[in-house]
Amino acid sequence: MPDRRGLAWTAAIAVPILAGAAILVPMAANGAVDLPDKTPQELIEFADASQVDALSGTIEQTSDLGLPDLGSLGGSMGADPGAGDQATAPGIDDLISLVTGTHTAKVYLDGQSARMQVLDPLAERNVYIDGAADQAWYVDSETQSATRLILPSDAELEQLRSDAQKNAPAPDAGETLPTPEQMLDQALSGLDDSTDVTVGNDSSVAGRDVYELILTPRTTDTLVGEMRFAIDGETGTALAASVTPRGAGEPAWQMTYTQGDFSAPDPSVFAFTPGADVTVTEETLALPTADGRAKDENGQVKDAGTPTVIGEGWSSVVEMAAPAADGSDASTGMDADQLAMLENITTAVDGGRALQTSLFSVLITDDGRVLVGAVPTSRLVEAAQSGR
């Protein structure tokens, strides 16, 4: 498995969209691939013991959730009114972008150095990680901004790893894509009797022979029907991931390496120096506690605006506040146009308005909270009312 320090850093800058459920890729069987047989437990142990210190590759992520155009809902929701165009805490903008359309990213890893380069049609976003120095950069070419991120201490890093296994959401440095390996780590750390684990067909991803690990919820209290990993037959690293909705025959969300190389990348890909035209800020990452709330650099729990996990497993829900921006409605954080759009694409429910897709639901409550989960709308309403 890639260097755990780098993974912990990357976990701290990825947005967990489906409330702690791993987002996993069905593959076409390839009769030419015949790896040594493994039981589900053997395949799990093989993947969990993976040790990959270096890699570079290209990842493609696609989504088809049956969503209407949600672009006009971005902007003020979940944003910090004083932050301008710079990276802020995760909000609706991040959610909309990560679960719609197609995204391409390049990933580089060499020991404690890592980089993710998300490529947009007219811009790109980069995360540069220096695990040895406990710091990273989040760089957005569109806004010409760079945020230097600092992890408080080694002790806090160990806490982050521990709490990540409890499916607590990690703080975010702007919108970045997870990798199949991060999804695999999250899934393996949360496996319990609520999930049926099987081995599928051997196949090929990015020119490499892979096993197929299939996770199926044993509960109906989720929109997820089936989740799959492509696990490299030589290294045990996840090369693809997908999720298929309950009752559907095709995945609605998938991510896969289209190219991969396990040799060390050129050191130059990890170098970043902000130019004179780049606005630079500095931020100490707030690390999550076991209950999903974040702590600031002084170790104090931050209650306002930080995500909280409600429930466990497949039916867990992430709740976050939606602070109002200047000129917006105080209860929702939206302006008049966004409120009108919201009413067109959502349904009135007890205590707010909700949108349900094939894989996740979103509830915006009348008191300004946003709840998201890979669950039916009714589960969000229950969580909003009961807090559990």
Protein backbone atom coordinates (compact mmCIF):
# COMPACT_ATOMS: atom_id res chain seq x y z
CA MET A 1 0.00 0.00 0.00
CA PRO A 2 1.35 3.49 -0.69
CA ASP A 3 3.20 5.18 2.14
CA ARG A 4 0.77 5.56 5.05
CA ARG A 5 2.01 9.02 5.97
CA GLY A 6 1.26 10.20 2.45
CA LEU A 7 -2.13 8.48 2.57
CA ALA A 8 -3.02 10.16 5.84
CA TRP A 9 -2.13 13.51 4.31
CA THR A 10 -4.17 12.79 1.21
CA ALA A 11 -7.11 11.72 3.37
CA ALA A 12 -6.93 15.11 5.04
CA ILE A 13 -7.43 16.88 1.71
CA ALA A 14 -10.06 14.71 0.05
CA VAL A 15 -13.79 15.26 0.36
CA PRO A 16 -15.60 12.08 1.53
CA ILE A 17 -18.79 12.39 -0.50
CA LEU A 18 -20.77 9.28 0.38
CA ALA A 19 -20.68 9.63 4.15
CA GLY A 20 -18.02 7.07 4.87
CA ALA A 21 -19.19 4.41 2.41
CA ALA A 22 -16.31 3.38 0.15
CA ILE A 23 -16.95 4.38 -3.46
CA LEU A 24 -15.92 1.40 -5.37
CA VAL A 25 -15.44 -0.54 -10.63
CA PRO A 26 -17.05 -3.37 -12.36
CA MET A 27 -14.77 -4.87 -14.95
CA ALA A 28 -15.40 -6.98 -17.99
CA ALA A 29 -14.08 -10.49 -17.49
CA ASN A 30 -10.99 -11.28 -19.54
CA GLY A 31 -10.48 -14.93 -20.34
CA ALA A 32 -6.75 -14.33 -20.91
CA VAL A 33 -6.27 -13.33 -17.25
CA ASP A 34 -5.98 -16.19 -14.75
CA LEU A 35 -4.43 -15.14 -11.46
CA PRO A 36 -3.85 -17.60 -8.60
CA ASP A 37 -7.14 -18.18 -6.79
CA LYS A 38 -7.74 -16.33 -3.53
CA THR A 39 -10.58 -16.51 -1.03
CA PRO A 40 -12.22 -13.22 -0.03
CA GLN A 41 -10.21 -13.17 3.21
CA GLU A 42 -6.96 -13.92 1.37
CA LEU A 43 -7.63 -11.13 -1.11
CA ILE A 44 -8.40 -8.69 1.71
CA GLU A 45 -5.16 -9.63 3.48
CA PHE A 46 -3.22 -9.34 0.21
CA ALA A 47 -4.57 -5.85 -0.42
CA ASP A 48 -4.12 -4.77 3.19
CA ALA A 49 -0.45 -5.86 3.16
CA SER A 50 0.33 -3.99 -0.06
CA GLN A 51 3.53 -1.94 0.06
CA VAL A 52 3.96 0.48 -2.84
CA ASP A 53 6.36 3.36 -2.24
CA ALA A 54 6.32 4.88 -5.72
CA LEU A 55 3.86 5.26 -8.57
CA SER A 56 2.59 7.62 -11.20
CA GLY A 57 -0.60 7.35 -13.20
CA THR A 58 -3.69 8.89 -14.71
CA ILE A 59 -7.10 8.42 -13.10
CA GLU A 60 -10.46 9.00 -14.75
CA GLN A 61 -13.64 9.40 -12.69
CA THR A 62 -17.12 9.44 -14.22
CA SER A 63 -20.56 9.93 -12.68
CA ASP A 64 -24.07 9.40 -14.01
CA LEU A 65 -26.41 9.87 -11.09
CA GLY A 66 -29.45 11.16 -12.96
CA LEU A 67 -28.92 14.66 -11.60
CA PRO A 68 -30.26 17.84 -13.17
CA ASP A 69 -27.89 20.74 -13.81
CA LEU A 70 -26.83 21.83 -10.32
CA GLY A 71 -24.26 24.43 -11.31
CA SER A 72 -26.34 27.40 -10.21
CA LEU A 73 -26.52 26.03 -6.66
CA GLY A 74 -22.80 26.63 -6.18
CA GLY A 75 -21.26 29.84 -4.94
CA SER A 76 -22.47 30.86 -1.55
CA MET A 77 -23.50 27.56 -0.03
CA GLY A 78 -20.90 26.25 2.36
CA ALA A 79 -18.52 29.10 1.62
CA ASP A 80 -16.73 31.34 4.01
CA PRO A 81 -17.99 34.87 3.35
CA GLY A 82 -14.56 36.32 3.99
CA ALA A 83 -12.60 33.86 1.91
CA GLY A 84 -13.22 35.26 -1.53
CA ASP A 85 -12.17 32.80 -4.24
CA GLN A 86 -9.63 30.94 -2.17
CA ALA A 87 -9.91 27.37 -0.94
CA THR A 88 -12.38 26.95 1.90
CA ALA A 89 -13.98 24.18 3.91
CA PRO A 90 -15.98 21.59 1.95
CA GLY A 91 -19.30 22.87 0.73
CA ILE A 92 -22.03 22.26 -1.79
CA ASP A 93 -19.76 23.50 -4.61
CA ASP A 94 -17.32 20.66 -3.91
CA LEU A 95 -20.10 18.10 -3.65
CA ILE A 96 -21.69 19.17 -6.94
CA SER A 97 -18.42 19.09 -8.83
CA LEU A 98 -17.17 15.77 -7.47
CA VAL A 99 -20.38 13.83 -8.12
CA THR A 100 -21.19 15.13 -11.60
CA GLY A 101 -19.55 14.79 -14.97
CA THR A 102 -16.09 13.44 -15.75
CA HIS A 103 -12.79 14.27 -14.06
CA THR A 104 -9.21 13.40 -14.93
CA ALA A 105 -6.33 13.52 -12.47
CA LYS A 106 -2.65 12.63 -12.49
CA VAL A 107 -1.24 11.03 -9.34
CA TYR A 108 2.40 10.86 -8.26
CA LEU A 109 3.92 9.16 -5.18
CA ASP A 110 7.47 8.65 -4.00
CA GLY A 111 7.88 7.80 -0.32
CA GLN A 112 6.53 10.70 1.73
CA SER A 113 6.14 12.97 -1.29
CA ALA A 114 2.89 12.95 -3.23
CA ARG A 115 1.02 15.06 -5.74
CA MET A 116 -2.47 15.02 -7.21
CA GLN A 117 -3.12 17.13 -10.30
CA VAL A 118 -6.82 17.51 -11.16
CA LEU A 119 -7.20 18.60 -14.77
CA ASP A 120 -10.14 20.79 -15.79
CA PRO A 121 -10.87 21.94 -19.35
CA LEU A 122 -9.53 25.45 -18.72
CA ALA A 123 -7.65 25.13 -15.43
CA GLU A 124 -6.14 22.69 -12.97
CA ARG A 125 -5.88 22.14 -9.24
CA ASN A 126 -2.85 20.62 -7.54
CA VAL A 127 -2.12 19.18 -4.13
CA TYR A 128 1.58 18.89 -3.29
CA ILE A 129 2.39 16.84 -0.18
CA ASP A 130 5.66 16.83 1.73
CA GLY A 131 5.10 14.25 4.45
CA ALA A 132 8.59 14.67 5.89
CA ALA A 133 7.88 18.33 6.59
CA ASP A 134 4.24 17.78 7.66
CA GLN A 135 2.97 20.30 5.15
CA ALA A 136 1.27 20.52 1.79
CA TRP A 137 0.13 23.02 -0.82
CA TYR A 138 -3.29 23.32 -2.42
CA VAL A 139 -2.99 25.31 -5.66
CA ASP A 140 -5.83 26.52 -7.91
CA SER A 141 -4.73 27.90 -11.28
CA GLU A 142 -8.13 29.40 -12.04
CA THR A 143 -8.15 31.65 -8.96
CA GLN A 144 -4.35 32.02 -8.94
CA SER A 145 -4.31 31.04 -5.27
CA ALA A 146 -2.11 28.76 -3.19
CA THR A 147 -2.78 27.60 0.36
CA ARG A 148 0.08 26.20 2.42
CA LEU A 149 -1.34 23.54 4.74
CA ILE A 150 0.36 22.49 7.95
CA LEU A 151 -0.35 19.34 9.96
CA PRO A 152 0.00 20.09 13.69
CA SER A 153 2.22 17.22 14.91
CA ASP A 154 3.14 13.54 14.55
CA ALA A 155 0.75 12.71 17.39
CA GLU A 156 -2.08 14.40 15.55
CA LEU A 157 -1.18 12.46 12.41
CA GLU A 158 -1.60 9.19 14.28
CA GLN A 159 -4.97 10.44 15.53
CA LEU A 160 -5.99 11.24 11.97
CA ARG A 161 -5.17 7.70 10.88
CA SER A 162 -7.05 6.22 13.82
CA ASP A 163 -10.13 8.38 13.38
CA ALA A 164 -10.19 7.76 9.63
CA GLN A 165 -10.83 4.10 10.44
CA LYS A 166 -13.93 5.18 12.33
CA ASN A 167 -15.16 6.82 9.12
CA ALA A 168 -14.92 10.32 10.54
CA PRO A 169 -14.86 12.92 7.77
CA ALA A 170 -11.54 14.66 7.28
CA PRO A 171 -11.12 18.39 6.78
CA ASP A 172 -10.59 19.55 3.25
CA ALA A 173 -8.26 21.85 1.38
CA GLY A 174 -10.57 22.44 -1.50
CA GLU A 175 -12.00 20.10 -4.08
CA THR A 176 -9.76 17.11 -4.84
CA LEU A 177 -10.42 13.59 -6.08
CA PRO A 178 -9.87 10.52 -3.95
CA THR A 179 -7.90 7.62 -5.44
CA PRO A 180 -8.99 3.97 -5.71
CA GLU A 181 -6.40 3.10 -3.05
CA GLN A 182 -7.90 5.58 -0.58
CA MET A 183 -11.33 4.09 -1.26
CA LEU A 184 -9.92 0.60 -0.70
CA ASP A 185 -8.31 1.63 2.60
CA GLN A 186 -11.56 3.14 3.81
CA ALA A 187 -13.57 0.09 2.81
CA LEU A 188 -11.22 -2.41 4.44
CA SER A 189 -11.05 -0.42 7.68
CA GLY A 190 -14.85 -0.42 7.94
CA LEU A 191 -15.66 -4.02 6.99
CA ASP A 192 -18.01 -5.81 9.38
CA ASP A 193 -20.93 -8.22 9.36
CA SER A 194 -23.09 -5.67 7.54
CA THR A 195 -21.20 -6.38 4.30
CA ASP A 196 -21.02 -9.53 2.16
CA VAL A 197 -17.55 -9.93 0.62
CA THR A 198 -16.91 -12.02 -2.51
CA VAL A 199 -14.25 -12.39 -5.21
CA GLY A 200 -15.27 -11.69 -8.81
CA ASN A 201 -13.56 -12.34 -12.14
CA ASP A 202 -9.91 -11.75 -12.90
CA SER A 203 -9.47 -8.98 -15.43
CA SER A 204 -7.18 -6.19 -16.64
CA VAL A 205 -6.90 -2.50 -15.73
CA ALA A 206 -4.35 -0.13 -17.29
CA GLY A 207 -2.61 -3.14 -18.81
CA ARG A 208 -2.18 -4.94 -15.46
CA ASP A 209 -3.82 -8.17 -14.27
CA VAL A 210 -6.23 -7.56 -11.40
CA TYR A 211 -8.44 -9.37 -8.94
CA GLU A 212 -12.00 -8.19 -8.34
CA LEU A 213 -13.25 -7.64 -4.78
CA ILE A 214 -17.02 -7.21 -4.45
CA LEU A 215 -18.75 -5.66 -1.43
CA THR A 216 -22.53 -6.01 -1.08
CA PRO A 217 -24.53 -4.39 1.75
CA ARG A 218 -26.60 -6.82 3.78
CA THR A 219 -28.98 -4.01 4.71
CA THR A 220 -31.63 -2.35 2.60
CA ASP A 221 -31.14 0.94 4.46
CA THR A 222 -28.82 2.26 1.75
CA LEU A 223 -29.00 3.26 -1.90
CA VAL A 224 -25.84 1.27 -2.65
CA GLY A 225 -26.41 -2.10 -4.28
CA GLU A 226 -22.91 -3.32 -5.03
CA MET A 227 -19.35 -1.99 -4.83
CA ARG A 228 -16.25 -3.33 -6.58
CA PHE A 229 -12.47 -2.94 -6.47
CA ALA A 230 -9.86 -3.89 -9.05
CA ILE A 231 -6.80 -5.02 -7.05
CA ASP A 232 -3.46 -5.31 -8.80
CA GLY A 233 -2.41 -8.95 -8.89
CA GLU A 234 1.26 -8.15 -8.26
CA THR A 235 1.24 -5.31 -5.73
CA GLY A 236 -2.21 -5.49 -4.10
CA THR A 237 -2.86 -1.82 -4.91
CA ALA A 238 -6.37 -0.76 -5.94
CA LEU A 239 -6.44 0.35 -9.58
CA ALA A 240 -10.18 0.89 -10.00
CA ALA A 241 -13.31 1.41 -7.92
CA SER A 242 -17.05 1.73 -8.58
CA VAL A 243 -20.50 1.71 -7.03
CA THR A 244 -23.74 0.44 -8.53
CA PRO A 245 -27.11 1.58 -7.15
CA ARG A 246 -29.48 -0.92 -5.59
CA GLY A 247 -31.51 -2.60 -8.34
CA ALA A 248 -29.36 -1.23 -11.18
CA GLY A 249 -27.25 -3.16 -13.65
CA GLU A 250 -24.56 -0.54 -14.33
CA PRO A 251 -22.40 1.59 -12.02
CA ALA A 252 -23.39 5.20 -11.46
CA TRP A 253 -19.96 6.24 -10.16
CA GLN A 254 -16.60 4.83 -11.17
CA MET A 255 -12.93 5.63 -11.04
CA THR A 256 -10.08 3.82 -12.76
CA TYR A 257 -6.44 4.17 -13.66
CA THR A 258 -6.07 4.45 -17.42
CA GLN A 259 -2.27 4.46 -17.10
CA GLY A 260 0.01 3.44 -14.27
CA ASP A 261 3.71 2.99 -13.54
CA PHE A 262 5.21 1.74 -10.27
CA SER A 263 8.63 3.32 -10.80
CA ALA A 264 9.61 6.53 -8.98
CA PRO A 265 8.44 9.73 -10.72
CA ASP A 266 10.88 12.48 -11.63
CA PRO A 267 11.50 14.58 -8.46
CA SER A 268 10.56 17.73 -10.35
CA VAL A 269 6.86 16.79 -10.31
CA PHE A 270 6.78 17.34 -6.52
CA ALA A 271 8.33 20.81 -6.60
CA PHE A 272 6.17 23.90 -6.15
CA THR A 273 7.15 27.53 -5.73
CA PRO A 274 4.34 30.13 -5.87
CA GLY A 275 4.82 32.79 -8.51
CA ALA A 276 4.57 36.52 -7.92
CA ASP A 277 1.01 36.59 -9.33
CA VAL A 278 -0.25 33.90 -6.93
CA THR A 279 -2.10 34.83 -3.74
CA VAL A 280 -0.63 32.79 -0.89
CA THR A 281 -2.34 31.94 2.40
CA GLU A 282 -1.41 29.59 5.24
CA GLU A 283 -3.68 27.27 7.18
CA THR A 284 -3.24 24.68 9.92
CA LEU A 285 -5.43 21.68 9.21
CA ALA A 286 -8.14 20.96 11.78
CA LEU A 287 -8.06 17.25 12.53
CA PRO A 288 -11.21 15.21 13.24
CA THR A 289 -12.17 13.76 16.59
CA ALA A 290 -13.68 10.30 16.91
CA ASP A 291 -17.22 11.71 16.66
CA GLY A 292 -16.44 13.43 13.37
CA ARG A 293 -16.05 16.99 14.64
CA ALA A 294 -12.80 18.79 13.90
CA LYS A 295 -10.22 20.25 16.27
CA ASP A 296 -8.38 23.50 15.61
CA GLU A 297 -4.63 24.09 15.93
CA ASN A 298 -5.07 24.57 19.71
CA GLY A 299 -6.75 21.20 20.10
CA GLN A 300 -10.20 22.70 20.70
CA VAL A 301 -13.26 21.13 19.10
CA LYS A 302 -14.68 23.30 16.33
CA ASP A 303 -18.44 23.01 16.34
CA ALA A 304 -19.40 25.66 13.81
CA GLY A 305 -19.27 24.64 10.17
CA THR A 306 -17.44 21.32 10.67
CA PRO A 307 -18.97 18.07 9.42
CA THR A 308 -20.39 15.56 11.88
CA VAL A 309 -21.07 11.86 11.23
CA ILE A 310 -24.46 10.57 12.35
CA GLY A 311 -24.99 6.81 12.55
CA GLU A 312 -22.74 4.00 11.38
CA GLY A 313 -21.92 1.94 8.33
CA TRP A 314 -24.08 2.00 5.24
CA SER A 315 -26.74 4.19 6.84
CA SER A 316 -24.33 6.85 8.15
CA VAL A 317 -24.98 10.50 7.33
CA VAL A 318 -22.70 13.54 7.19
CA GLU A 319 -24.14 16.77 8.57
CA MET A 320 -22.61 20.19 7.96
CA ALA A 321 -23.67 23.76 8.45
CA ALA A 322 -24.41 26.05 5.50
CA PRO A 323 -23.27 29.52 6.59
CA ALA A 324 -24.88 32.45 4.85
CA ALA A 325 -22.96 34.68 2.47
CA ASP A 326 -23.58 38.42 2.17
CA GLY A 327 -26.96 39.07 0.60
CA SER A 328 -28.19 35.50 0.97
CA ASP A 329 -30.98 33.94 2.94
CA ALA A 330 -29.70 33.47 6.50
CA SER A 331 -31.33 30.06 6.96
CA THR A 332 -29.88 28.41 3.85
CA GLY A 333 -26.85 30.41 2.79
CA MET A 334 -28.38 30.91 -0.68
CA ASP A 335 -29.29 33.97 -2.67
CA ALA A 336 -32.71 34.42 -4.34
CA ASP A 337 -31.73 32.73 -7.62
CA GLN A 338 -30.27 29.74 -5.82
CA LEU A 339 -33.38 29.41 -3.67
CA ALA A 340 -35.55 29.37 -6.80
CA MET A 341 -33.35 26.71 -8.39
CA LEU A 342 -33.42 24.68 -5.19
CA GLU A 343 -37.21 24.56 -5.20
CA ASN A 344 -37.23 23.34 -8.82
CA ILE A 345 -34.95 20.36 -8.25
CA THR A 346 -35.91 19.32 -4.72
CA THR A 347 -38.95 17.99 -2.93
CA ALA A 348 -40.45 19.42 0.22
CA VAL A 349 -40.01 17.10 3.22
CA ASP A 350 -40.57 17.43 6.92
CA GLY A 351 -38.15 20.12 8.07
CA GLY A 352 -36.64 21.13 4.73
CA ARG A 353 -36.12 20.22 1.09
CA ALA A 354 -34.42 17.09 -0.28
CA LEU A 355 -32.87 15.72 -3.44
CA GLN A 356 -32.39 11.98 -3.95
CA THR A 357 -30.14 10.59 -6.70
CA SER A 358 -29.41 6.99 -7.57
CA LEU A 359 -26.56 6.83 -5.04
CA PHE A 360 -26.98 9.56 -2.45
CA SER A 361 -29.44 12.03 -1.00
CA VAL A 362 -29.07 15.63 0.14
CA LEU A 363 -31.28 17.37 2.69
CA ILE A 364 -31.20 21.11 3.31
CA THR A 365 -33.06 21.81 6.52
CA ASP A 366 -35.10 24.89 7.29
CA ASP A 367 -32.56 25.85 9.96
CA GLY A 368 -29.65 25.85 7.49
CA ARG A 369 -28.03 22.43 7.92
CA VAL A 370 -26.98 20.19 5.01
CA LEU A 371 -27.13 16.40 5.42
CA VAL A 372 -25.68 13.99 2.87
CA GLY A 373 -25.62 10.20 2.76
CA ALA A 374 -25.79 7.11 0.54
CA VAL A 375 -29.28 6.60 1.97
CA PRO A 376 -32.90 7.34 1.13
CA THR A 377 -34.26 10.80 1.91
CA SER A 378 -36.27 9.39 4.80
CA ARG A 379 -33.03 8.45 6.58
CA LEU A 380 -31.75 12.04 6.27
CA VAL A 381 -34.97 13.41 7.70
CA GLU A 382 -34.72 10.98 10.62
CA ALA A 383 -31.07 11.92 11.25
CA ALA A 384 -31.83 15.64 11.11
CA GLN A 385 -34.62 15.28 13.64
CA SER A 386 -33.09 12.77 16.04
CA GLY A 387 -29.35 13.35 15.66
CA ARG A 388 -28.76 9.61 15.31
